[in-house]
Amino acid sequence: MHQLRLFFTALQFFTRLPIPRWVGFDPAWLNQASRYFPLVGVVVALITGAVYAVAFKLFPPAIAAILSTAAGIYVTGAFHEDGFADTCDGFGGGMTGERVLEIMKDSRIGAYGAIGIFCLLLLKCATLTMLPPYGAIAALLFAHPMSRLMATGLIWRLDYARAEGKAKPLAQKMATPELAIAAITALAPALLLIWLNWLSWTMLLSGVTCALVAAIWLARKFMGRIGGYTGDCLGAVQQVTEVVFYLCVLAGLHTSGQFF
């Protein structure tokens, strides 16, 4: 029951979805809820995948991709997209660590953030549009939890860079067993997709490898500029690794000539 409460706490923190009243709330639960960040990604993936599947039956692939992306943004309240945009602004316009953090805290969006989020969403929708229907749904079902696992890795390895902030309640270092729980919930959908023959081992491994490389590169950037991570950094890692996985699936499709 405690673990279920932790999951609902994570769901409430990372999405706009309602949770049962009996769950209650304890601030201490937030420190443990990050282990279920990838499981929240599974919920978001099921919603975006369902929207894509229904929309694909009624509209062209481009419309299905846009509606699916919009559904994900609505469910999460643009939580991660906002973090990506703030990270672009901070690291693009800040010359010192203090200035980077100051810019990232500003609620206004600048040129770097606007250009960055426009290119990211355009790339995301374009990639999903070019995938076959089962390929797009499979990519959605795995990319959402996997990308959140990559963001969770920052909590496990890095220090929080602010004295306070929106991710401060989650900022205590994760224990390795907690990361293992996150990894299991992120990788479980992959086994189902492979069993359904919607996703190949080659695409899975190449996508995870490239996403991991991107996450490590971003983590090194964060450490070098601000000495750790912020909530915005977590959002940036989630968004970048999600798109990287879509690109790997598309590249595998392009080189092999088929998805399955």
C-alpha atoms as a PDB file:
ATOM      1  CA  MET A   1       0.000   0.000   0.000  1.00  0.00           C
ATOM      2  CA  HIS A   2       2.884   2.367   0.741  1.00  0.00           C
ATOM      3  CA  GLN A   3       4.399   1.705  -2.679  1.00  0.00           C
ATOM      4  CA  LEU A   4       1.026   2.378  -4.298  1.00  0.00           C
ATOM      5  CA  ARG A   5       0.838   5.689  -2.446  1.00  0.00           C
ATOM      6  CA  LEU A   6       4.326   6.561  -3.717  1.00  0.00           C
ATOM      7  CA  PHE A   7       3.237   5.851  -7.286  1.00  0.00           C
ATOM      8  CA  PHE A   8       0.142   8.046  -6.970  1.00  0.00           C
ATOM      9  CA  THR A   9       2.299  10.765  -5.408  1.00  0.00           C
ATOM     10  CA  ALA A  10       4.599  10.632  -8.443  1.00  0.00           C
ATOM     11  CA  LEU A  11       1.572  10.651 -10.762  1.00  0.00           C
ATOM     12  CA  GLN A  12       0.189  13.734  -9.035  1.00  0.00           C
ATOM     13  CA  PHE A  13       3.558  15.527  -9.131  1.00  0.00           C
ATOM     14  CA  PHE A  14       4.411  14.822 -12.775  1.00  0.00           C
ATOM     15  CA  THR A  15       0.963  14.953 -14.421  1.00  0.00           C
ATOM     16  CA  ARG A  16      -2.423  16.627 -14.199  1.00  0.00           C
ATOM     17  CA  LEU A  17      -4.210  13.306 -13.740  1.00  0.00           C
ATOM     18  CA  PRO A  18      -6.437  13.046 -10.646  1.00  0.00           C
ATOM     19  CA  ILE A  19      -5.604  10.525  -7.931  1.00  0.00           C
ATOM     20  CA  PRO A  20      -7.908   8.844  -5.369  1.00  0.00           C
ATOM     21  CA  ARG A  21      -8.602  10.814  -2.212  1.00  0.00           C
ATOM     22  CA  TRP A  22      -7.650   7.904   0.041  1.00  0.00           C
ATOM     23  CA  VAL A  23      -4.008   8.268  -1.057  1.00  0.00           C
ATOM     24  CA  GLY A  24      -3.499  11.343   1.114  1.00  0.00           C
ATOM     25  CA  PHE A  25      -0.243  13.272   1.108  1.00  0.00           C
ATOM     26  CA  ASP A  26       2.968  13.310   3.074  1.00  0.00           C
ATOM     27  CA  PRO A  27       5.890  15.557   2.005  1.00  0.00           C
ATOM     28  CA  ALA A  28       8.279  12.739   2.882  1.00  0.00           C
ATOM     29  CA  TRP A  29       6.746  10.595   0.141  1.00  0.00           C
ATOM     30  CA  LEU A  30       8.053  12.977  -2.535  1.00  0.00           C
ATOM     31  CA  ASN A  31      11.613  11.995  -1.672  1.00  0.00           C
ATOM     32  CA  GLN A  32      10.791   8.386  -2.516  1.00  0.00           C
ATOM     33  CA  ALA A  33       8.388   8.943  -5.412  1.00  0.00           C
ATOM     34  CA  SER A  34      11.064   9.424  -8.080  1.00  0.00           C
ATOM     35  CA  ARG A  35      11.463   5.629  -8.295  1.00  0.00           C
ATOM     36  CA  TYR A  36       8.096   5.612 -10.066  1.00  0.00           C
ATOM     37  CA  PHE A  37       8.891   8.397 -12.526  1.00  0.00           C
ATOM     38  CA  PRO A  38       9.257   5.839 -15.382  1.00  0.00           C
ATOM     39  CA  LEU A  39       5.980   4.184 -14.367  1.00  0.00           C
ATOM     40  CA  VAL A  40       4.299   7.558 -14.740  1.00  0.00           C
ATOM     41  CA  GLY A  41       5.844   7.522 -18.220  1.00  0.00           C
ATOM     42  CA  VAL A  42       4.047   4.228 -18.895  1.00  0.00           C
ATOM     43  CA  VAL A  43       0.731   5.912 -18.057  1.00  0.00           C
ATOM     44  CA  VAL A  44       1.534   8.868 -20.327  1.00  0.00           C
ATOM     45  CA  ALA A  45       2.644   6.452 -23.059  1.00  0.00           C
ATOM     46  CA  LEU A  46      -0.637   4.524 -22.900  1.00  0.00           C
ATOM     47  CA  ILE A  47      -2.586   7.766 -23.296  1.00  0.00           C
ATOM     48  CA  THR A  48      -0.481   9.154 -26.152  1.00  0.00           C
ATOM     49  CA  GLY A  49      -0.385   5.759 -27.872  1.00  0.00           C
ATOM     50  CA  ALA A  50      -4.165   5.407 -27.631  1.00  0.00           C
ATOM     51  CA  VAL A  51      -4.696   8.911 -29.036  1.00  0.00           C
ATOM     52  CA  TYR A  52      -2.334   8.135 -31.921  1.00  0.00           C
ATOM     53  CA  ALA A  53      -4.062   4.823 -32.672  1.00  0.00           C
ATOM     54  CA  VAL A  54      -7.532   6.380 -32.764  1.00  0.00           C
ATOM     55  CA  ALA A  55      -6.424   9.482 -34.676  1.00  0.00           C
ATOM     56  CA  PHE A  56      -4.569   7.388 -37.252  1.00  0.00           C
ATOM     57  CA  LYS A  57      -7.866   5.669 -38.141  1.00  0.00           C
ATOM     58  CA  LEU A  58      -9.513   9.028 -38.850  1.00  0.00           C
ATOM     59  CA  PHE A  59      -6.781  11.354 -40.081  1.00  0.00           C
ATOM     60  CA  PRO A  60      -3.455  11.372 -41.956  1.00  0.00           C
ATOM     61  CA  PRO A  61      -0.331  10.367 -39.979  1.00  0.00           C
ATOM     62  CA  ALA A  62       0.792  13.982 -39.461  1.00  0.00           C
ATOM     63  CA  ILE A  63      -2.462  14.849 -37.674  1.00  0.00           C
ATOM     64  CA  ALA A  64      -2.228  11.697 -35.552  1.00  0.00           C
ATOM     65  CA  ALA A  65       1.323  12.615 -34.513  1.00  0.00           C
ATOM     66  CA  ILE A  66       0.323  16.172 -33.590  1.00  0.00           C
ATOM     67  CA  LEU A  67      -2.736  15.052 -31.617  1.00  0.00           C
ATOM     68  CA  SER A  68      -0.696  12.427 -29.780  1.00  0.00           C
ATOM     69  CA  THR A  69       1.983  14.979 -28.901  1.00  0.00           C
ATOM     70  CA  ALA A  70      -0.681  17.458 -27.792  1.00  0.00           C
ATOM     71  CA  ALA A  71      -2.257  14.809 -25.573  1.00  0.00           C
ATOM     72  CA  GLY A  72       1.085  14.186 -23.881  1.00  0.00           C
ATOM     73  CA  ILE A  73       1.579  17.901 -23.327  1.00  0.00           C
ATOM     74  CA  TYR A  74      -1.906  18.263 -21.868  1.00  0.00           C
ATOM     75  CA  VAL A  75      -1.557  15.277 -19.523  1.00  0.00           C
ATOM     76  CA  THR A  76       1.793  16.465 -18.153  1.00  0.00           C
ATOM     77  CA  GLY A  77       0.931  20.168 -18.170  1.00  0.00           C
ATOM     78  CA  ALA A  78       3.927  20.797 -20.474  1.00  0.00           C
ATOM     79  CA  PHE A  79       6.058  20.094 -17.390  1.00  0.00           C
ATOM     80  CA  HIS A  80       8.993  18.648 -19.308  1.00  0.00           C
ATOM     81  CA  GLU A  81       8.680  20.871 -22.372  1.00  0.00           C
ATOM     82  CA  ASP A  82       8.846  23.908 -20.102  1.00  0.00           C
ATOM     83  CA  GLY A  83      11.980  22.504 -18.486  1.00  0.00           C
ATOM     84  CA  PHE A  84      13.594  21.965 -21.869  1.00  0.00           C
ATOM     85  CA  ALA A  85      12.792  25.521 -22.966  1.00  0.00           C
ATOM     86  CA  ASP A  86      14.142  26.991 -19.699  1.00  0.00           C
ATOM     87  CA  THR A  87      17.311  24.913 -20.061  1.00  0.00           C
ATOM     88  CA  CYS A  88      17.828  26.217 -23.599  1.00  0.00           C
ATOM     89  CA  ASP A  89      17.416  29.785 -22.354  1.00  0.00           C
ATOM     90  CA  GLY A  90      19.686  29.330 -19.357  1.00  0.00           C
ATOM     91  CA  PHE A  91      22.533  27.505 -21.055  1.00  0.00           C
ATOM     92  CA  GLY A  92      22.195  29.551 -24.227  1.00  0.00           C
ATOM     93  CA  GLY A  93      22.202  32.975 -22.578  1.00  0.00           C
ATOM     94  CA  GLY A  94      24.029  32.507 -19.279  1.00  0.00           C
ATOM     95  CA  MET A  95      27.782  33.007 -19.111  1.00  0.00           C
ATOM     96  CA  THR A  96      28.229  31.960 -15.465  1.00  0.00           C
ATOM     97  CA  GLY A  97      26.599  29.265 -13.371  1.00  0.00           C
ATOM     98  CA  GLU A  98      24.751  31.838 -11.279  1.00  0.00           C
ATOM     99  CA  ARG A  99      23.423  33.575 -14.372  1.00  0.00           C
ATOM    100  CA  VAL A 100      22.340  30.261 -15.921  1.00  0.00           C
ATOM    101  CA  LEU A 101      20.311  29.420 -12.815  1.00  0.00           C
ATOM    102  CA  GLU A 102      18.844  32.933 -12.710  1.00  0.00           C
ATOM    103  CA  ILE A 103      17.688  32.757 -16.334  1.00  0.00           C
ATOM    104  CA  MET A 104      16.238  29.273 -15.875  1.00  0.00           C
ATOM    105  CA  LYS A 105      14.185  30.503 -12.924  1.00  0.00           C
ATOM    106  CA  ASP A 106      12.626  33.302 -15.010  1.00  0.00           C
ATOM    107  CA  SER A 107       9.103  32.336 -16.097  1.00  0.00           C
ATOM    108  CA  ARG A 108       9.463  34.233 -19.369  1.00  0.00           C
ATOM    109  CA  ILE A 109      10.693  32.389 -22.442  1.00  0.00           C
ATOM    110  CA  GLY A 110      13.547  33.807 -24.502  1.00  0.00           C
ATOM    111  CA  ALA A 111      14.816  33.304 -28.022  1.00  0.00           C
ATOM    112  CA  TYR A 112      16.846  30.190 -27.183  1.00  0.00           C
ATOM    113  CA  GLY A 113      13.887  28.569 -25.446  1.00  0.00           C
ATOM    114  CA  ALA A 114      11.401  29.460 -28.178  1.00  0.00           C
ATOM    115  CA  ILE A 115      13.657  28.218 -30.979  1.00  0.00           C
ATOM    116  CA  GLY A 116      14.623  25.120 -29.025  1.00  0.00           C
ATOM    117  CA  ILE A 117      11.098  23.998 -28.159  1.00  0.00           C
ATOM    118  CA  PHE A 118       9.863  24.764 -31.697  1.00  0.00           C
ATOM    119  CA  CYS A 119      12.597  22.609 -33.244  1.00  0.00           C
ATOM    120  CA  LEU A 120      12.092  19.842 -30.673  1.00  0.00           C
ATOM    121  CA  LEU A 121       8.328  19.580 -31.179  1.00  0.00           C
ATOM    122  CA  LEU A 122       8.714  19.834 -34.943  1.00  0.00           C
ATOM    123  CA  LEU A 123      11.301  17.039 -34.925  1.00  0.00           C
ATOM    124  CA  LYS A 124       9.146  14.906 -32.642  1.00  0.00           C
ATOM    125  CA  CYS A 125       6.024  15.232 -34.783  1.00  0.00           C
ATOM    126  CA  ALA A 126       7.920  14.819 -38.056  1.00  0.00           C
ATOM    127  CA  THR A 127       9.609  11.630 -36.816  1.00  0.00           C
ATOM    128  CA  LEU A 128       6.362  10.083 -35.584  1.00  0.00           C
ATOM    129  CA  THR A 129       4.685  11.013 -38.858  1.00  0.00           C
ATOM    130  CA  MET A 130       7.267   9.101 -40.881  1.00  0.00           C
ATOM    131  CA  LEU A 131       6.975   5.921 -38.803  1.00  0.00           C
ATOM    132  CA  PRO A 132       4.420   3.225 -39.712  1.00  0.00           C
ATOM    133  CA  PRO A 133       1.472   3.070 -37.277  1.00  0.00           C
ATOM    134  CA  TYR A 134       2.712   0.138 -35.197  1.00  0.00           C
ATOM    135  CA  GLY A 135       6.202   1.614 -35.232  1.00  0.00           C
ATOM    136  CA  ALA A 136       4.973   4.954 -33.906  1.00  0.00           C
ATOM    137  CA  ILE A 137       2.846   3.343 -31.193  1.00  0.00           C
ATOM    138  CA  ALA A 138       5.706   1.057 -30.142  1.00  0.00           C
ATOM    139  CA  ALA A 139       8.105   4.007 -30.036  1.00  0.00           C
ATOM    140  CA  LEU A 140       5.679   5.981 -27.879  1.00  0.00           C
ATOM    141  CA  LEU A 141       5.096   3.090 -25.487  1.00  0.00           C
ATOM    142  CA  PHE A 142       8.797   2.667 -24.798  1.00  0.00           C
ATOM    143  CA  ALA A 143      10.240   6.163 -25.264  1.00  0.00           C
ATOM    144  CA  HIS A 144       8.134   7.774 -22.542  1.00  0.00           C
ATOM    145  CA  PRO A 145       9.179   5.499 -19.648  1.00  0.00           C
ATOM    146  CA  MET A 146      12.738   5.094 -20.958  1.00  0.00           C
ATOM    147  CA  SER A 147      13.318   8.846 -21.245  1.00  0.00           C
ATOM    148  CA  ARG A 148      12.041   9.322 -17.695  1.00  0.00           C
ATOM    149  CA  LEU A 149      14.468   6.652 -16.535  1.00  0.00           C
ATOM    150  CA  MET A 150      17.292   8.678 -18.095  1.00  0.00           C
ATOM    151  CA  ALA A 151      16.116  11.748 -16.180  1.00  0.00           C
ATOM    152  CA  THR A 152      15.886   9.689 -12.988  1.00  0.00           C
ATOM    153  CA  GLY A 153      19.532   8.772 -13.477  1.00  0.00           C
ATOM    154  CA  LEU A 154      20.458  12.407 -12.823  1.00  0.00           C
ATOM    155  CA  ILE A 155      18.784  12.249  -9.412  1.00  0.00           C
ATOM    156  CA  TRP A 156      20.759   9.073  -8.710  1.00  0.00           C
ATOM    157  CA  ARG A 157      24.162  10.441  -9.740  1.00  0.00           C
ATOM    158  CA  LEU A 158      24.173  14.245  -9.490  1.00  0.00           C
ATOM    159  CA  ASP A 159      23.573  16.847  -6.782  1.00  0.00           C
ATOM    160  CA  TYR A 160      20.748  19.354  -6.880  1.00  0.00           C
ATOM    161  CA  ALA A 161      22.118  22.722  -7.970  1.00  0.00           C
ATOM    162  CA  ARG A 162      19.677  24.992  -6.109  1.00  0.00           C
ATOM    163  CA  ALA A 163      18.902  25.638  -2.480  1.00  0.00           C
ATOM    164  CA  GLU A 164      15.221  25.412  -3.439  1.00  0.00           C
ATOM    165  CA  GLY A 165      13.153  24.755  -6.543  1.00  0.00           C
ATOM    166  CA  LYS A 166      10.272  22.780  -8.029  1.00  0.00           C
ATOM    167  CA  ALA A 167      12.299  19.548  -8.044  1.00  0.00           C
ATOM    168  CA  LYS A 168      13.769  20.071  -4.576  1.00  0.00           C
ATOM    169  CA  PRO A 169      11.337  17.594  -2.945  1.00  0.00           C
ATOM    170  CA  LEU A 170      12.735  14.897  -5.268  1.00  0.00           C
ATOM    171  CA  ALA A 171      16.331  16.017  -4.959  1.00  0.00           C
ATOM    172  CA  GLN A 172      17.590  13.642  -2.322  1.00  0.00           C
ATOM    173  CA  LYS A 173      20.023  11.113  -3.745  1.00  0.00           C
ATOM    174  CA  MET A 174      18.367   7.898  -4.885  1.00  0.00           C
ATOM    175  CA  ALA A 175      19.610   4.570  -3.576  1.00  0.00           C
ATOM    176  CA  THR A 176      20.609   1.973  -6.158  1.00  0.00           C
ATOM    177  CA  PRO A 177      17.648  -0.318  -5.309  1.00  0.00           C
ATOM    178  CA  GLU A 178      15.314   2.612  -6.035  1.00  0.00           C
ATOM    179  CA  LEU A 179      16.971   3.093  -9.423  1.00  0.00           C
ATOM    180  CA  ALA A 180      16.543  -0.632 -10.049  1.00  0.00           C
ATOM    181  CA  ILE A 181      12.783  -0.288  -9.488  1.00  0.00           C
ATOM    182  CA  ALA A 182      12.733   2.597 -11.966  1.00  0.00           C
ATOM    183  CA  ALA A 183      14.702   0.556 -14.515  1.00  0.00           C
ATOM    184  CA  ILE A 184      12.389  -2.450 -14.233  1.00  0.00           C
ATOM    185  CA  THR A 185       9.271  -0.350 -14.806  1.00  0.00           C
ATOM    186  CA  ALA A 186      10.929   1.360 -17.776  1.00  0.00           C
ATOM    187  CA  LEU A 187      12.167  -1.807 -19.460  1.00  0.00           C
ATOM    188  CA  ALA A 188       9.091  -3.978 -18.863  1.00  0.00           C
ATOM    189  CA  PRO A 189       7.162  -2.390 -21.786  1.00  0.00           C
ATOM    190  CA  ALA A 190      10.066  -3.252 -24.094  1.00  0.00           C
ATOM    191  CA  LEU A 191       9.669  -6.967 -23.377  1.00  0.00           C
ATOM    192  CA  LEU A 192       5.982  -6.771 -24.258  1.00  0.00           C
ATOM    193  CA  LEU A 193       6.694  -4.878 -27.479  1.00  0.00           C
ATOM    194  CA  ILE A 194       9.335  -7.401 -28.513  1.00  0.00           C
ATOM    195  CA  TRP A 195       6.957 -10.272 -27.714  1.00  0.00           C
ATOM    196  CA  LEU A 196       4.311  -8.594 -29.893  1.00  0.00           C
ATOM    197  CA  ASN A 197       6.958  -8.188 -32.610  1.00  0.00           C
ATOM    198  CA  TRP A 198       6.378  -4.433 -32.661  1.00  0.00           C
ATOM    199  CA  LEU A 199       9.954  -3.652 -31.697  1.00  0.00           C
ATOM    200  CA  SER A 200      13.214  -5.433 -32.509  1.00  0.00           C
ATOM    201  CA  TRP A 201      16.127  -5.984 -30.130  1.00  0.00           C
ATOM    202  CA  THR A 202      18.370  -4.063 -32.517  1.00  0.00           C
ATOM    203  CA  MET A 203      16.199  -0.956 -32.430  1.00  0.00           C
ATOM    204  CA  LEU A 204      15.751  -1.246 -28.679  1.00  0.00           C
ATOM    205  CA  LEU A 205      19.466  -1.506 -27.939  1.00  0.00           C
ATOM    206  CA  SER A 206      20.491   1.181 -30.430  1.00  0.00           C
ATOM    207  CA  GLY A 207      17.806   3.544 -29.158  1.00  0.00           C
ATOM    208  CA  VAL A 208      18.674   3.030 -25.493  1.00  0.00           C
ATOM    209  CA  THR A 209      22.397   3.368 -26.228  1.00  0.00           C
ATOM    210  CA  CYS A 210      21.970   6.639 -28.115  1.00  0.00           C
ATOM    211  CA  ALA A 211      19.599   7.977 -25.460  1.00  0.00           C
ATOM    212  CA  LEU A 212      22.107   7.069 -22.753  1.00  0.00           C
ATOM    213  CA  VAL A 213      24.902   8.837 -24.634  1.00  0.00           C
ATOM    214  CA  ALA A 214      22.709  11.943 -24.963  1.00  0.00           C
ATOM    215  CA  ALA A 215      21.819  11.832 -21.247  1.00  0.00           C
ATOM    216  CA  ILE A 216      25.471  11.489 -20.219  1.00  0.00           C
ATOM    217  CA  TRP A 217      26.465  14.354 -22.504  1.00  0.00           C
ATOM    218  CA  LEU A 218      23.785  16.586 -21.008  1.00  0.00           C
ATOM    219  CA  ALA A 219      24.732  15.541 -17.466  1.00  0.00           C
ATOM    220  CA  ARG A 220      28.347  16.545 -18.133  1.00  0.00           C
ATOM    221  CA  LYS A 221      27.126  19.897 -19.452  1.00  0.00           C
ATOM    222  CA  PHE A 222      25.042  20.428 -16.335  1.00  0.00           C
ATOM    223  CA  MET A 223      27.902  19.521 -14.025  1.00  0.00           C
ATOM    224  CA  GLY A 224      30.335  21.765 -15.880  1.00  0.00           C
ATOM    225  CA  ARG A 225      28.080  24.825 -15.894  1.00  0.00           C
ATOM    226  CA  ILE A 226      25.955  24.680 -12.720  1.00  0.00           C
ATOM    227  CA  GLY A 227      27.493  21.875 -10.666  1.00  0.00           C
ATOM    228  CA  GLY A 228      24.453  19.603 -10.736  1.00  0.00           C
ATOM    229  CA  TYR A 229      20.889  19.472 -12.007  1.00  0.00           C
ATOM    230  CA  THR A 230      17.606  21.309 -11.568  1.00  0.00           C
ATOM    231  CA  GLY A 231      14.019  20.355 -12.329  1.00  0.00           C
ATOM    232  CA  ASP A 232      14.405  22.037 -15.708  1.00  0.00           C
ATOM    233  CA  CYS A 233      17.420  19.836 -16.438  1.00  0.00           C
ATOM    234  CA  LEU A 234      15.352  16.735 -15.726  1.00  0.00           C
ATOM    235  CA  GLY A 235      12.763  17.940 -18.225  1.00  0.00           C
ATOM    236  CA  ALA A 236      15.434  18.626 -20.823  1.00  0.00           C
ATOM    237  CA  VAL A 237      16.920  15.134 -20.469  1.00  0.00           C
ATOM    238  CA  GLN A 238      13.480  13.555 -20.745  1.00  0.00           C
ATOM    239  CA  GLN A 239      12.581  15.472 -23.887  1.00  0.00           C
ATOM    240  CA  VAL A 240      15.925  15.008 -25.651  1.00  0.00           C
ATOM    241  CA  THR A 241      16.208  11.277 -24.953  1.00  0.00           C
ATOM    242  CA  GLU A 242      12.603  10.720 -26.019  1.00  0.00           C
ATOM    243  CA  VAL A 243      13.256  12.312 -29.405  1.00  0.00           C
ATOM    244  CA  VAL A 244      16.600  10.510 -29.751  1.00  0.00           C
ATOM    245  CA  PHE A 245      14.797   7.182 -29.386  1.00  0.00           C
ATOM    246  CA  TYR A 246      12.257   8.131 -32.075  1.00  0.00           C
ATOM    247  CA  LEU A 247      15.118   9.037 -34.393  1.00  0.00           C
ATOM    248  CA  CYS A 248      16.850   5.709 -33.772  1.00  0.00           C
ATOM    249  CA  VAL A 249      13.668   3.790 -34.592  1.00  0.00           C
ATOM    250  CA  LEU A 250      13.244   5.806 -37.780  1.00  0.00           C
ATOM    251  CA  ALA A 251      16.903   5.294 -38.721  1.00  0.00           C
ATOM    252  CA  GLY A 252      16.536   1.546 -38.206  1.00  0.00           C
ATOM    253  CA  LEU A 253      13.433   1.533 -40.379  1.00  0.00           C
ATOM    254  CA  HIS A 254      15.191   3.537 -43.072  1.00  0.00           C
ATOM    255  CA  THR A 255      18.285   1.321 -43.200  1.00  0.00           C
ATOM    256  CA  SER A 256      16.447  -2.010 -43.028  1.00  0.00           C
ATOM    257  CA  GLY A 257      13.560  -1.085 -45.254  1.00  0.00           C
ATOM    258  CA  GLN A 258      11.050  -2.521 -42.784  1.00  0.00           C
ATOM    259  CA  PHE A 259      10.064  -2.052 -39.163  1.00  0.00           C
ATOM    260  CA  PHE A 260       9.549  -5.589 -37.938  1.00  0.00           C
END
